[in-house]
Amino acid sequence: MKAKAIANRKHKPIVPPPTPIRQQYEQHSVRGFYEQFGAEYRNPHESAIVALVTSAVERWQLNCDRVLDLACGSGEVTLALRGSGYANITGIDPYTYAAYQHRTGLEAETYSFEDIAAGMLSDRYYSLIVCSFALHLIPSSWLPLVVYQLRQIAHSLVVITPNKSPQLKPEWGWTFLDEIESDRVRARLYQ
């Protein structure tokens, strides 16, 4: 009986301590945090994300025929879009793909921002890309190339961020159109 209890402990998922994610980033690095805890990740701002996605679709009359949920986390954006009646959604995240599949029942592709910068998605087209809680984490040296590559595969981009970063520049292919806010979380529309 004791051996069975010990064996069960070995298979329990590793869950991050209940400290703010920013502190976890400082302790593990952004990549280290998601490599260690990505399978169990849940965005603590999920209610704000759902509210923003729902508002954005209505207010901006977004074309959601074919959506890329970039840095899909555990599926917050996908689930919000499904709740609004949209189903053609592709998730991509190299770290949280297991959490995404667990919550949405869909498999996420595991491309990284480096893969995207290298043109890995260049043969695709999406009517909309939604990137939630991720672009502000990309090193500034990579950001222009990543968002330029995204511009090659979509007409509209919604960036959901917990702060004022990043500010995408027109020379990177995107023009800022509008912003909405919910519970100190922002959604920005670029075309």
Foldseek 3Di string as FASTA:
>chain_A
DVVVVVVVVVPDADADDPDDVVVVCVVQNPVRSLQRHQQPDDDPCLVFLLVVLVCCCVVVVADQQAEEAELCRLNSNVVSVVVVPHDRYAYEDQRNQNSVCVRPVDGHHRDDLVCLLVLVCLVAAGQEYEYEAPLQSDPPVSNLSSLLSVLNHYDKYKYKHLAPDDDDDVVSPWDWDDWDGDPSIIITMID
